[in-house]
């Protein structure tokens, strides 16, 4: 299972989103700081989840990070999160 699939599975399990996109943006950062050469270092998540609707922006970000857990977060250099 690739990292994209792991990210999707963790977010679906933890937050039950109604809409979720996981986009690998690593190719845009090739050769930059944080590029480990794996092709899986920079990610964007676009999510809509009813449980996040009433939370502050900071609380929503924390909820996504908590859903991903330290093992997945530790393998990501950059994570952009957009909430619908």
PDB file of N, CA and C in Angstrom:
ATOM      1  N   UNK A   1       0.858  -1.173   0.000  1.00  0.00           N
ATOM      2  CA  UNK A   1       0.000   0.000   0.000  1.00  0.00           C
ATOM      3  C   UNK A   1       0.902   1.233   0.000  1.00  0.00           C
ATOM      4  N   UNK A   2       0.633   2.165  -0.918  1.00  0.00           N
ATOM      5  CA  UNK A   2       1.384   3.404  -0.972  1.00  0.00           C
ATOM      6  C   UNK A   2       0.933   4.379   0.088  1.00  0.00           C
ATOM      7  N   UNK A   3       1.697   5.440   0.264  1.00  0.00           N
ATOM      8  CA  UNK A   3       1.388   6.420   1.304  1.00  0.00           C
ATOM      9  C   UNK A   3       0.046   7.107   1.047  1.00  0.00           C
ATOM     10  N   UNK A   4      -0.301   7.367  -0.201  1.00  0.00           N
ATOM     11  CA  UNK A   4      -1.599   7.982  -0.506  1.00  0.00           C
ATOM     12  C   UNK A   4      -2.741   7.121   0.038  1.00  0.00           C
ATOM     13  N   UNK A   5      -2.646   5.820  -0.171  1.00  0.00           N
ATOM     14  CA  UNK A   5      -3.677   4.903   0.329  1.00  0.00           C
ATOM     15  C   UNK A   5      -3.705   4.872   1.854  1.00  0.00           C
ATOM     16  N   UNK A   6      -2.536   4.942   2.478  1.00  0.00           N
ATOM     17  CA  UNK A   6      -2.477   4.964   3.938  1.00  0.00           C
ATOM     18  C   UNK A   6      -3.112   6.239   4.490  1.00  0.00           C
ATOM     19  N   UNK A   7      -2.833   7.368   3.850  1.00  0.00           N
ATOM     20  CA  UNK A   7      -3.417   8.644   4.271  1.00  0.00           C
ATOM     21  C   UNK A   7      -4.934   8.583   4.145  1.00  0.00           C
ATOM     22  N   UNK A   8      -5.421   8.124   2.993  1.00  0.00           N
ATOM     23  CA  UNK A   8      -6.868   8.016   2.780  1.00  0.00           C
ATOM     24  C   UNK A   8      -7.514   7.112   3.827  1.00  0.00           C
ATOM     25  N   UNK A   9      -6.948   5.942   4.037  1.00  0.00           N
ATOM     26  CA  UNK A   9      -7.528   4.982   4.980  1.00  0.00           C
ATOM     27  C   UNK A   9      -7.582   5.549   6.395  1.00  0.00           C
ATOM     28  N   UNK A  10      -6.521   6.219   6.814  1.00  0.00           N
ATOM     29  CA  UNK A  10      -6.477   6.771   8.172  1.00  0.00           C
ATOM     30  C   UNK A  10      -7.505   7.883   8.349  1.00  0.00           C
ATOM     31  N   UNK A  11      -7.635   8.743   7.344  1.00  0.00           N
ATOM     32  CA  UNK A  11      -8.594   9.843   7.450  1.00  0.00           C
ATOM     33  C   UNK A  11     -10.028   9.318   7.399  1.00  0.00           C
ATOM     34  N   UNK A  12     -10.288   8.364   6.520  1.00  0.00           N
ATOM     35  CA  UNK A  12     -11.638   7.781   6.444  1.00  0.00           C
ATOM     36  C   UNK A  12     -11.997   7.129   7.773  1.00  0.00           C
ATOM     37  N   UNK A  13     -11.067   6.376   8.341  1.00  0.00           N
ATOM     38  CA  UNK A  13     -11.340   5.703   9.615  1.00  0.00           C
ATOM     39  C   UNK A  13     -11.531   6.701  10.750  1.00  0.00           C
ATOM     40  N   UNK A  14     -10.695   7.737  10.781  1.00  0.00           N
ATOM     41  CA  UNK A  14     -10.738   8.662  11.905  1.00  0.00           C
ATOM     42  C   UNK A  14     -11.775   9.760  11.819  1.00  0.00           C
ATOM     43  N   UNK A  15     -12.137  10.182  10.591  1.00  0.00           N
ATOM     44  CA  UNK A  15     -12.994  11.356  10.455  1.00  0.00           C
ATOM     45  C   UNK A  15     -14.259  11.132   9.630  1.00  0.00           C
ATOM     46  N   UNK A  16     -14.405   9.987   8.985  1.00  0.00           N
ATOM     47  CA  UNK A  16     -15.587   9.662   8.194  1.00  0.00           C
ATOM     48  C   UNK A  16     -15.995  10.819   7.269  1.00  0.00           C
ATOM     49  N   UNK A  17     -15.100  11.236   6.369  1.00  0.00           N
ATOM     50  CA  UNK A  17     -15.409  12.387   5.515  1.00  0.00           C
ATOM     51  C   UNK A  17     -16.472  12.071   4.464  1.00  0.00           C
ATOM     52  N   UNK A  18     -17.203  13.109   4.057  1.00  0.00           N
ATOM     53  CA  UNK A  18     -18.157  12.968   2.961  1.00  0.00           C
ATOM     54  C   UNK A  18     -17.462  13.212   1.624  1.00  0.00           C
ATOM     55  N   UNK A  19     -16.323  13.874   1.667  1.00  0.00           N
ATOM     56  CA  UNK A  19     -15.528  14.138   0.473  1.00  0.00           C
ATOM     57  C   UNK A  19     -14.059  14.160   0.888  1.00  0.00           C
ATOM     58  N   UNK A  20     -13.204  13.496   0.097  1.00  0.00           N
ATOM     59  CA  UNK A  20     -11.781  13.438   0.430  1.00  0.00           C
ATOM     60  C   UNK A  20     -10.950  13.289  -0.838  1.00  0.00           C
ATOM     61  N   UNK A  21      -9.970  14.156  -0.986  1.00  0.00           N
ATOM     62  CA  UNK A  21      -8.982  14.048  -2.049  1.00  0.00           C
ATOM     63  C   UNK A  21      -7.605  14.060  -1.395  1.00  0.00           C
ATOM     64  N   UNK A  22      -6.749  13.156  -1.801  1.00  0.00           N
ATOM     65  CA  UNK A  22      -5.367  13.125  -1.329  1.00  0.00           C
ATOM     66  C   UNK A  22      -4.491  13.284  -2.572  1.00  0.00           C
ATOM     67  N   UNK A  23      -3.741  14.381  -2.606  1.00  0.00           N
ATOM     68  CA  UNK A  23      -2.978  14.742  -3.793  1.00  0.00           C
ATOM     69  C   UNK A  23      -1.491  14.753  -3.465  1.00  0.00           C
ATOM     70  N   UNK A  24      -0.731  13.976  -4.226  1.00  0.00           N
ATOM     71  CA  UNK A  24       0.716  13.946  -4.065  1.00  0.00           C
ATOM     72  C   UNK A  24       1.313  15.108  -4.851  1.00  0.00           C
ATOM     73  N   UNK A  25       1.914  16.062  -4.145  1.00  0.00           N
ATOM     74  CA  UNK A  25       2.517  17.234  -4.774  1.00  0.00           C
ATOM     75  C   UNK A  25       4.042  17.183  -4.725  1.00  0.00           C
ATOM     76  N   UNK A  26       4.590  16.022  -4.456  1.00  0.00           N
ATOM     77  CA  UNK A  26       6.033  15.874  -4.277  1.00  0.00           C
ATOM     78  C   UNK A  26       6.815  16.284  -5.519  1.00  0.00           C
ATOM     79  N   UNK A  27       6.274  16.020  -6.688  1.00  0.00           N
ATOM     80  CA  UNK A  27       6.987  16.361  -7.925  1.00  0.00           C
ATOM     81  C   UNK A  27       7.249  17.869  -8.052  1.00  0.00           C
ATOM     82  N   UNK A  28       6.424  18.683  -7.410  1.00  0.00           N
ATOM     83  CA  UNK A  28       6.604  20.132  -7.447  1.00  0.00           C
ATOM     84  C   UNK A  28       7.774  20.583  -6.578  1.00  0.00           C
ATOM     85  N   UNK A  29       8.267  19.703  -5.721  1.00  0.00           N
ATOM     86  CA  UNK A  29       9.291  20.061  -4.746  1.00  0.00           C
ATOM     87  C   UNK A  29      10.574  19.249  -4.918  1.00  0.00           C
ATOM     88  N   UNK A  30      10.706  18.584  -6.043  1.00  0.00           N
ATOM     89  CA  UNK A  30      11.898  17.771  -6.301  1.00  0.00           C
ATOM     90  C   UNK A  30      13.152  18.628  -6.191  1.00  0.00           C
ATOM     91  N   UNK A  31      14.102  18.152  -5.394  1.00  0.00           N
ATOM     92  CA  UNK A  31      15.361  18.861  -5.211  1.00  0.00           C
ATOM     93  C   UNK A  31      15.326  19.944  -4.146  1.00  0.00           C
ATOM     94  N   UNK A  32      14.168  20.219  -3.590  1.00  0.00           N
ATOM     95  CA  UNK A  32      14.045  21.233  -2.542  1.00  0.00           C
ATOM     96  C   UNK A  32      14.258  20.606  -1.168  1.00  0.00           C
ATOM     97  N   UNK A  33      14.361  21.454  -0.171  1.00  0.00           N
ATOM     98  CA  UNK A  33      14.482  20.969   1.207  1.00  0.00           C
ATOM     99  C   UNK A  33      13.278  20.090   1.540  1.00  0.00           C
ATOM    100  N   UNK A  34      13.533  19.001   2.189  1.00  0.00           N
ATOM    101  CA  UNK A  34      12.461  18.101   2.581  1.00  0.00           C
ATOM    102  C   UNK A  34      12.162  17.025   1.559  1.00  0.00           C
ATOM    103  N   UNK A  35      12.714  17.153   0.356  1.00  0.00           N
ATOM    104  CA  UNK A  35      12.530  16.116  -0.655  1.00  0.00           C
ATOM    105  C   UNK A  35      13.486  14.976  -0.342  1.00  0.00           C
ATOM    106  N   UNK A  36      12.925  13.856   0.081  1.00  0.00           N
ATOM    107  CA  UNK A  36      13.760  12.722   0.462  1.00  0.00           C
ATOM    108  C   UNK A  36      14.009  11.767  -0.701  1.00  0.00           C
ATOM    109  N   UNK A  37      13.520  12.122  -1.881  1.00  0.00           N
ATOM    110  CA  UNK A  37      13.713  11.292  -3.055  1.00  0.00           C
ATOM    111  C   UNK A  37      12.702  10.162  -3.195  1.00  0.00           C
ATOM    112  N   UNK A  38      11.800  10.032  -2.236  1.00  0.00           N
ATOM    113  CA  UNK A  38      10.815   8.947  -2.264  1.00  0.00           C
ATOM    114  C   UNK A  38       9.656   9.238  -3.211  1.00  0.00           C
ATOM    115  N   UNK A  39       9.454  10.517  -3.528  1.00  0.00           N
ATOM    116  CA  UNK A  39       8.290  10.900  -4.319  1.00  0.00           C
ATOM    117  C   UNK A  39       7.025  10.937  -3.498  1.00  0.00           C
ATOM    118  N   UNK A  40       7.163  10.862  -2.165  1.00  0.00           N
ATOM    119  CA  UNK A  40       6.006  10.864  -1.264  1.00  0.00           C
ATOM    120  C   UNK A  40       6.260  11.756  -0.049  1.00  0.00           C
ATOM    121  N   UNK A  41       6.746  12.966  -0.303  1.00  0.00           N
ATOM    122  CA  UNK A  41       7.112  13.849   0.810  1.00  0.00           C
ATOM    123  C   UNK A  41       6.171  15.036   0.993  1.00  0.00           C
ATOM    124  N   UNK A  42       5.480  15.462  -0.058  1.00  0.00           N
ATOM    125  CA  UNK A  42       4.634  16.652  -0.019  1.00  0.00           C
ATOM    126  C   UNK A  42       3.213  16.278  -0.459  1.00  0.00           C
ATOM    127  N   UNK A  43       2.241  16.599   0.398  1.00  0.00           N
ATOM    128  CA  UNK A  43       0.865  16.169   0.164  1.00  0.00           C
ATOM    129  C   UNK A  43      -0.121  17.306   0.368  1.00  0.00           C
ATOM    130  N   UNK A  44      -1.230  17.205  -0.332  1.00  0.00           N
ATOM    131  CA  UNK A  44      -2.367  18.087  -0.093  1.00  0.00           C
ATOM    132  C   UNK A  44      -3.584  17.209   0.164  1.00  0.00           C
ATOM    133  N   UNK A  45      -4.355  17.566   1.185  1.00  0.00           N
ATOM    134  CA  UNK A  45      -5.599  16.878   1.504  1.00  0.00           C
ATOM    135  C   UNK A  45      -6.723  17.895   1.392  1.00  0.00           C
ATOM    136  N   UNK A  46      -7.754  17.547   0.632  1.00  0.00           N
ATOM    137  CA  UNK A  46      -8.963  18.365   0.527  1.00  0.00           C
ATOM    138  C   UNK A  46     -10.073  17.525   1.143  1.00  0.00           C
ATOM    139  N   UNK A  47     -10.681  18.046   2.197  1.00  0.00           N
ATOM    140  CA  UNK A  47     -11.604  17.223   2.987  1.00  0.00           C
ATOM    141  C   UNK A  47     -12.866  17.991   3.364  1.00  0.00           C
ATOM    142  N   UNK A  48     -13.955  17.248   3.384  1.00  0.00           N
ATOM    143  CA  UNK A  48     -15.207  17.728   3.955  1.00  0.00           C
ATOM    144  C   UNK A  48     -15.696  16.641   4.895  1.00  0.00           C
ATOM    145  N   UNK A  49     -15.892  17.014   6.148  1.00  0.00           N
ATOM    146  CA  UNK A  49     -16.351  16.051   7.152  1.00  0.00           C
ATOM    147  C   UNK A  49     -17.281  16.763   8.123  1.00  0.00           C
ATOM    148  N   UNK A  50     -18.488  16.249   8.314  1.00  0.00           N
ATOM    149  CA  UNK A  50     -19.447  16.898   9.206  1.00  0.00           C
ATOM    150  C   UNK A  50     -18.905  17.147  10.613  1.00  0.00           C
ATOM    151  N   UNK A  51     -18.082  16.231  11.128  1.00  0.00           N
ATOM    152  CA  UNK A  51     -17.551  16.387  12.485  1.00  0.00           C
ATOM    153  C   UNK A  51     -16.600  17.575  12.608  1.00  0.00           C
ATOM    154  N   UNK A  52     -16.089  18.070  11.489  1.00  0.00           N
ATOM    155  CA  UNK A  52     -15.146  19.188  11.520  1.00  0.00           C
ATOM    156  C   UNK A  52     -15.820  20.540  11.318  1.00  0.00           C
ATOM    157  N   UNK A  53     -17.063  20.527  10.895  1.00  0.00           N
ATOM    158  CA  UNK A  53     -17.752  21.757  10.482  1.00  0.00           C
ATOM    159  C   UNK A  53     -17.770  22.839  11.559  1.00  0.00           C
ATOM    160  N   UNK A  54     -17.992  22.479  12.797  1.00  0.00           N
ATOM    161  CA  UNK A  54     -18.135  23.470  13.867  1.00  0.00           C
ATOM    162  C   UNK A  54     -16.834  23.746  14.614  1.00  0.00           C
ATOM    163  N   UNK A  55     -15.731  23.176  14.143  1.00  0.00           N
ATOM    164  CA  UNK A  55     -14.447  23.356  14.835  1.00  0.00           C
ATOM    165  C   UNK A  55     -13.680  24.538  14.245  1.00  0.00           C
ATOM    166  N   UNK A  56     -12.798  25.085  15.054  1.00  0.00           N
ATOM    167  CA  UNK A  56     -11.924  26.151  14.571  1.00  0.00           C
ATOM    168  C   UNK A  56     -10.942  25.578  13.558  1.00  0.00           C
ATOM    169  N   UNK A  57     -10.305  26.450  12.813  1.00  0.00           N
ATOM    170  CA  UNK A  57      -9.319  26.005  11.815  1.00  0.00           C
ATOM    171  C   UNK A  57      -8.214  25.186  12.490  1.00  0.00           C
ATOM    172  N   UNK A  58      -7.723  25.645  13.617  1.00  0.00           N
ATOM    173  CA  UNK A  58      -6.668  24.934  14.332  1.00  0.00           C
ATOM    174  C   UNK A  58      -7.153  23.553  14.796  1.00  0.00           C
ATOM    175  N   UNK A  59      -8.360  23.490  15.321  1.00  0.00           N
ATOM    176  CA  UNK A  59      -8.911  22.211  15.785  1.00  0.00           C
ATOM    177  C   UNK A  59      -9.109  21.241  14.620  1.00  0.00           C
ATOM    178  N   UNK A  60      -9.488  21.753  13.451  1.00  0.00           N
ATOM    179  CA  UNK A  60      -9.647  20.889  12.270  1.00  0.00           C
ATOM    180  C   UNK A  60      -8.298  20.314  11.844  1.00  0.00           C
ATOM    181  N   UNK A  61      -7.262  21.165  11.831  1.00  0.00           N
ATOM    182  CA  UNK A  61      -5.920  20.690  11.481  1.00  0.00           C
ATOM    183  C   UNK A  61      -5.440  19.635  12.477  1.00  0.00           C
ATOM    184  N   UNK A  62      -5.665  19.883  13.740  1.00  0.00           N
ATOM    185  CA  UNK A  62      -5.263  18.909  14.766  1.00  0.00           C
ATOM    186  C   UNK A  62      -6.002  17.584  14.590  1.00  0.00           C
ATOM    187  N   UNK A  63      -7.291  17.657  14.228  1.00  0.00           N
ATOM    188  CA  UNK A  63      -8.077  16.441  14.036  1.00  0.00           C
ATOM    189  C   UNK A  63      -7.522  15.606  12.876  1.00  0.00           C
ATOM    190  N   UNK A  64      -7.123  16.270  11.794  1.00  0.00           N
ATOM    191  CA  UNK A  64      -6.543  15.543  10.658  1.00  0.00           C
ATOM    192  C   UNK A  64      -5.214  14.915  11.070  1.00  0.00           C
ATOM    193  N   UNK A  65      -4.369  15.687  11.760  1.00  0.00           N
ATOM    194  CA  UNK A  65      -3.080  15.156  12.220  1.00  0.00           C
ATOM    195  C   UNK A  65      -3.292  13.984  13.179  1.00  0.00           C
ATOM    196  N   UNK A  66      -4.262  14.102  14.071  1.00  0.00           N
ATOM    197  CA  UNK A  66      -4.558  13.004  15.002  1.00  0.00           C
ATOM    198  C   UNK A  66      -5.035  11.761  14.252  1.00  0.00           C
ATOM    199  N   UNK A  67      -5.863  11.958  13.224  1.00  0.00           N
ATOM    200  CA  UNK A  67      -6.355  10.823  12.442  1.00  0.00           C
ATOM    201  C   UNK A  67      -5.203  10.124  11.719  1.00  0.00           C
ATOM    202  N   UNK A  68      -4.253  10.903  11.233  1.00  0.00           N
ATOM    203  CA  UNK A  68      -3.110  10.314  10.526  1.00  0.00           C
ATOM    204  C   UNK A  68      -2.164   9.593  11.477  1.00  0.00           C
ATOM    205  N   UNK A  69      -2.027  10.112  12.669  1.00  0.00           N
ATOM    206  CA  UNK A  69      -1.160   9.487  13.667  1.00  0.00           C
ATOM    207  C   UNK A  69       0.318   9.766  13.425  1.00  0.00           C
ATOM    208  N   UNK A  70       1.127   9.539  14.430  1.00  0.00           N
ATOM    209  CA  UNK A  70       2.545   9.887  14.357  1.00  0.00           C
ATOM    210  C   UNK A  70       3.337   9.105  13.316  1.00  0.00           C
ATOM    211  N   UNK A  71       2.925   7.873  13.027  1.00  0.00           N
ATOM    212  CA  UNK A  71       3.687   7.073  12.065  1.00  0.00           C
ATOM    213  C   UNK A  71       3.573   7.646  10.652  1.00  0.00           C
ATOM    214  N   UNK A  72       2.367   8.040  10.248  1.00  0.00           N
ATOM    215  CA  UNK A  72       2.186   8.641   8.922  1.00  0.00           C
ATOM    216  C   UNK A  72       2.733  10.061   8.904  1.00  0.00           C
ATOM    217  N   UNK A  73       2.422  10.856   9.916  1.00  0.00           N
ATOM    218  CA  UNK A  73       2.913  12.239   9.969  1.00  0.00           C
ATOM    219  C   UNK A  73       4.432  12.271   9.919  1.00  0.00           C
ATOM    220  N   UNK A  74       5.086  11.319  10.543  1.00  0.00           N
ATOM    221  CA  UNK A  74       6.538  11.269  10.552  1.00  0.00           C
ATOM    222  C   UNK A  74       7.155  11.008   9.191  1.00  0.00           C
ATOM    223  N   UNK A  75       6.356  10.526   8.251  1.00  0.00           N
ATOM    224  CA  UNK A  75       6.852  10.245   6.899  1.00  0.00           C
ATOM    225  C   UNK A  75       6.523  11.354   5.910  1.00  0.00           C
ATOM    226  N   UNK A  76       5.857  12.399   6.370  1.00  0.00           N
ATOM    227  CA  UNK A  76       5.445  13.503   5.502  1.00  0.00           C
ATOM    228  C   UNK A  76       6.263  14.741   5.849  1.00  0.00           C
ATOM    229  N   UNK A  77       6.841  15.372   4.830  1.00  0.00           N
ATOM    230  CA  UNK A  77       7.570  16.625   5.068  1.00  0.00           C
ATOM    231  C   UNK A  77       6.614  17.813   5.101  1.00  0.00           C
ATOM    232  N   UNK A  78       5.638  17.840   4.187  1.00  0.00           N
ATOM    233  CA  UNK A  78       4.710  18.971   4.103  1.00  0.00           C
ATOM    234  C   UNK A  78       3.311  18.440   3.837  1.00  0.00           C
ATOM    235  N   UNK A  79       2.334  18.990   4.572  1.00  0.00           N
ATOM    236  CA  UNK A  79       0.940  18.600   4.414  1.00  0.00           C
ATOM    237  C   UNK A  79       0.081  19.859   4.364  1.00  0.00           C
ATOM    238  N   UNK A  80      -0.507  20.126   3.211  1.00  0.00           N
ATOM    239  CA  UNK A  80      -1.456  21.237   3.064  1.00  0.00           C
ATOM    240  C   UNK A  80      -2.860  20.650   3.218  1.00  0.00           C
ATOM    241  N   UNK A  81      -3.688  21.306   4.027  1.00  0.00           N
ATOM    242  CA  UNK A  81      -5.045  20.817   4.270  1.00  0.00           C
ATOM    243  C   UNK A  81      -6.039  21.908   3.898  1.00  0.00           C
ATOM    244  N   UNK A  82      -6.988  21.552   3.035  1.00  0.00           N
ATOM    245  CA  UNK A  82      -8.054  22.460   2.632  1.00  0.00           C
ATOM    246  C   UNK A  82      -9.364  21.843   3.083  1.00  0.00           C
ATOM    247  N   UNK A  83     -10.186  22.658   3.747  1.00  0.00           N
ATOM    248  CA  UNK A  83     -11.483  22.193   4.239  1.00  0.00           C
ATOM    249  C   UNK A  83     -12.580  22.778   3.382  1.00  0.00           C
ATOM    250  N   UNK A  84     -13.505  21.918   2.967  1.00  0.00           N
ATOM    251  CA  UNK A  84     -14.663  22.372   2.182  1.00  0.00           C
ATOM    252  C   UNK A  84     -15.783  22.775   3.100  1.00  0.00           C
TER     253      UNK A  84
END
